[in-house]
Amino acid sequence: MRILFACLLLVMLFSTGLSKLANRQLKWPQKETRYEKFLQQHVDASMTVEKCDEEMKKKWIYNVDNSCKFTNTFILSNEKQVKDICKRQGSPYDTSLTKSKEKFNIVICQLNNGARKPNCQYNGRLHSNVRVVVQCKGGLPVHYAKHIETIESNNATTGKIPMDSTSVPTNIHV
């Protein structure tokens, strides 16, 4: 009788341990919607270029084969502003995408090694005043497609022609 009880206890402990192990490996819920996954991977108002490694790991942003994702973009905004792109704050772009009317700041995290999780290392770059292009389904953003630089974006000119002290303006009328 003691042996039977010990075996039953071992089976129960073993199955409980496997259940906990499975739950630990499945960090994000299986029934996550495409919109929820989009928010988790691409919207973070407090993201900085220095936090790429930390946030990519914390948010479990990997390829399906567990390799490090080559690049990921974070929109530095809140859920409502990003959701509005698919409603009144967006315009059609290409055949099935929507471009934001508003400008956003984004952080692009780009892989700088070929490691597998959890050893991914990223370099972050901040881009300011860009329009984002997303795919919308049911009035919600579900896929980040790209960003479009604007005249006010990083490395863009503001439309002024630089003049040094020896330049003579040609548009002065006397």
Protein backbone atom coordinates (compact mmCIF):
# COMPACT_ATOMS: atom_id res chain seq x y z
CA MET A 1 0.00 0.00 0.00
CA ARG A 2 2.86 2.38 0.82
CA ILE A 3 4.44 1.77 -2.57
CA LEU A 4 1.17 2.52 -4.37
CA PHE A 5 0.76 5.75 -2.38
CA ALA A 6 4.38 6.75 -3.12
CA CYS A 7 3.89 6.11 -6.84
CA LEU A 8 0.66 8.11 -6.89
CA LEU A 9 2.37 10.96 -5.05
CA LEU A 10 5.27 10.89 -7.53
CA VAL A 11 2.90 11.01 -10.51
CA MET A 12 1.04 13.98 -9.01
CA LEU A 13 4.25 15.87 -8.26
CA PHE A 14 5.64 15.13 -11.71
CA SER A 15 2.50 16.32 -13.52
CA THR A 16 2.35 19.49 -11.38
CA GLY A 17 5.99 20.22 -12.19
CA LEU A 18 5.42 19.78 -15.93
CA SER A 19 2.39 22.05 -15.77
CA LYS A 20 4.41 24.80 -14.07
CA LEU A 21 7.25 24.36 -16.55
CA ALA A 22 4.87 24.67 -19.49
CA ASN A 23 3.33 27.83 -18.03
CA ARG A 24 6.75 29.38 -17.51
CA GLN A 25 7.78 28.73 -21.13
CA LEU A 26 4.55 30.24 -22.48
CA LYS A 27 5.22 33.71 -21.17
CA TRP A 28 2.50 35.39 -23.30
CA PRO A 29 -1.04 34.08 -23.53
CA GLN A 30 -1.81 31.78 -26.44
CA LYS A 31 -5.12 33.53 -27.13
CA GLU A 32 -3.53 36.94 -27.60
CA THR A 33 -5.21 38.88 -30.42
CA ARG A 34 -3.21 40.38 -33.28
CA TYR A 35 -3.98 43.84 -31.87
CA GLU A 36 -2.72 42.87 -28.40
CA LYS A 37 0.45 41.43 -29.92
CA PHE A 38 0.92 44.64 -31.96
CA LEU A 39 0.60 46.77 -28.81
CA GLN A 40 2.99 44.58 -26.86
CA GLN A 41 5.63 44.61 -29.61
CA HIS A 42 5.34 48.13 -31.02
CA VAL A 43 3.79 50.66 -28.62
CA ASP A 44 5.76 51.95 -25.63
CA ALA A 45 5.72 55.63 -24.66
CA SER A 46 8.65 55.19 -22.25
CA MET A 47 10.99 53.31 -24.62
CA THR A 48 14.53 54.67 -25.08
CA VAL A 49 17.43 53.62 -27.29
CA GLU A 50 19.29 52.39 -24.21
CA LYS A 51 16.50 49.94 -23.30
CA CYS A 52 16.47 47.84 -26.49
CA ASP A 53 18.09 44.72 -25.00
CA GLU A 54 15.98 44.87 -21.86
CA GLU A 55 12.62 45.50 -23.56
CA MET A 56 13.09 42.96 -26.35
CA LYS A 57 13.81 40.30 -23.72
CA LYS A 58 11.12 41.45 -21.27
CA LYS A 59 8.43 41.55 -23.98
CA TRP A 60 9.54 38.22 -25.48
CA ILE A 61 10.08 39.62 -28.97
CA TYR A 62 11.71 36.78 -30.91
CA ASN A 63 11.22 35.01 -34.22
CA VAL A 64 9.02 31.89 -34.16
CA ASP A 65 12.12 29.67 -34.28
CA ASN A 66 13.44 31.35 -31.08
CA SER A 67 16.15 33.22 -32.95
CA CYS A 68 16.69 36.89 -32.23
CA LYS A 69 14.43 39.21 -34.21
CA PHE A 70 16.57 41.26 -36.61
CA THR A 71 14.74 44.53 -36.06
CA ASN A 72 11.78 45.84 -34.09
CA THR A 73 10.24 49.30 -34.01
CA PHE A 74 8.64 50.91 -30.96
CA ILE A 75 6.23 53.81 -31.40
CA LEU A 76 6.74 56.28 -28.55
CA SER A 77 3.09 56.98 -27.89
CA ASN A 78 0.04 55.70 -26.08
CA GLU A 79 -2.49 53.09 -27.17
CA LYS A 80 -5.23 55.60 -28.03
CA GLN A 81 -3.08 57.70 -30.40
CA VAL A 82 -1.83 54.62 -32.21
CA LYS A 83 -5.32 53.09 -32.41
CA ASP A 84 -6.60 56.36 -33.93
CA ILE A 85 -4.35 55.79 -36.97
CA CYS A 86 -6.88 53.18 -38.09
CA LYS A 87 -9.76 55.57 -37.53
CA ARG A 88 -9.70 59.32 -38.12
CA GLN A 89 -5.94 59.93 -37.83
CA GLY A 90 -4.83 57.85 -40.80
CA SER A 91 -5.04 57.89 -44.56
CA PRO A 92 -4.92 55.02 -47.07
CA TYR A 93 -1.42 54.03 -48.14
CA ASP A 94 -0.49 51.54 -50.83
CA THR A 95 -3.15 48.86 -51.30
CA SER A 96 -3.90 47.62 -47.80
CA LEU A 97 -2.05 49.89 -45.38
CA THR A 98 -2.76 53.08 -43.45
CA LYS A 99 -0.34 55.99 -42.94
CA SER A 100 -0.58 58.15 -39.84
CA LYS A 101 -1.55 61.77 -40.26
CA GLU A 102 0.20 62.58 -36.99
CA LYS A 103 3.96 62.40 -36.59
CA PHE A 104 5.54 60.12 -34.02
CA ASN A 105 8.92 59.50 -32.47
CA ILE A 106 10.07 55.90 -32.82
CA VAL A 107 12.92 53.75 -31.54
CA ILE A 108 14.28 51.12 -33.89
CA CYS A 109 16.11 48.26 -32.19
CA GLN A 110 18.45 46.45 -34.60
CA LEU A 111 20.26 43.21 -33.81
CA ASN A 112 24.04 43.52 -33.62
CA ASN A 113 24.84 39.84 -33.16
CA GLY A 114 23.51 36.48 -34.36
CA ALA A 115 22.88 34.94 -30.96
CA ARG A 116 19.81 33.01 -29.93
CA LYS A 117 17.56 34.02 -27.07
CA PRO A 118 18.14 35.14 -24.39
CA ASN A 119 21.53 36.50 -25.57
CA CYS A 120 20.28 38.96 -28.21
CA GLN A 121 22.00 42.34 -28.24
CA TYR A 122 20.52 45.38 -29.96
CA ASN A 123 21.53 48.88 -30.97
CA GLY A 124 18.77 51.45 -30.72
CA ARG A 125 18.20 54.51 -32.91
CA LEU A 126 15.72 57.30 -32.30
CA HIS A 127 13.84 58.75 -35.26
CA SER A 128 11.81 61.90 -34.65
CA ASN A 129 8.76 63.28 -36.43
CA VAL A 130 8.03 60.31 -38.69
CA ARG A 131 4.76 59.01 -40.03
CA VAL A 132 4.11 55.35 -39.33
CA VAL A 133 2.48 52.91 -41.72
CA VAL A 134 0.41 50.08 -40.25
CA GLN A 135 -2.01 47.43 -41.40
CA CYS A 136 -5.47 47.78 -39.86
CA LYS A 137 -8.06 45.03 -39.31
CA GLY A 138 -11.43 45.79 -37.75
CA GLY A 139 -10.38 49.36 -37.01
CA LEU A 140 -7.29 48.27 -35.04
CA PRO A 141 -3.59 48.24 -35.97
CA VAL A 142 -2.30 44.67 -36.29
CA HIS A 143 0.99 44.99 -38.19
CA TYR A 144 3.77 47.59 -38.26
CA ALA A 145 4.87 48.02 -41.89
CA LYS A 146 7.36 50.90 -41.91
CA HIS A 147 7.97 54.56 -41.17
CA ILE A 148 8.20 57.52 -43.52
CA GLU A 149 10.64 60.33 -42.86
CA THR A 150 9.16 63.83 -42.93
CA ILE A 151 10.85 67.17 -43.60
CA GLU A 152 11.30 67.58 -39.82
CA SER A 153 12.73 64.06 -39.38
CA ASN A 154 16.27 63.25 -38.36
CA ASN A 155 18.93 64.09 -40.93
CA ALA A 156 16.45 66.01 -43.06
CA THR A 157 16.92 69.59 -44.05
CA THR A 158 14.40 72.18 -42.96
CA GLY A 159 14.27 73.84 -46.35
CA LYS A 160 16.82 76.58 -45.55
CA ILE A 161 19.92 76.91 -47.65
CA PRO A 162 22.99 77.39 -45.46
CA MET A 163 25.00 80.48 -46.22
CA ASP A 164 28.51 81.27 -45.08
CA SER A 165 29.83 84.78 -44.56
CA THR A 166 31.10 85.04 -48.15
CA SER A 167 27.81 84.10 -49.78
CA VAL A 168 25.86 86.83 -51.50
CA PRO A 169 22.10 86.44 -51.67
CA THR A 170 20.79 86.64 -55.24
CA ASN A 171 17.19 87.52 -54.46
CA ILE A 172 17.74 91.05 -53.09
CA HIS A 173 16.20 93.76 -55.24
CA VAL A 174 17.38 97.38 -54.96
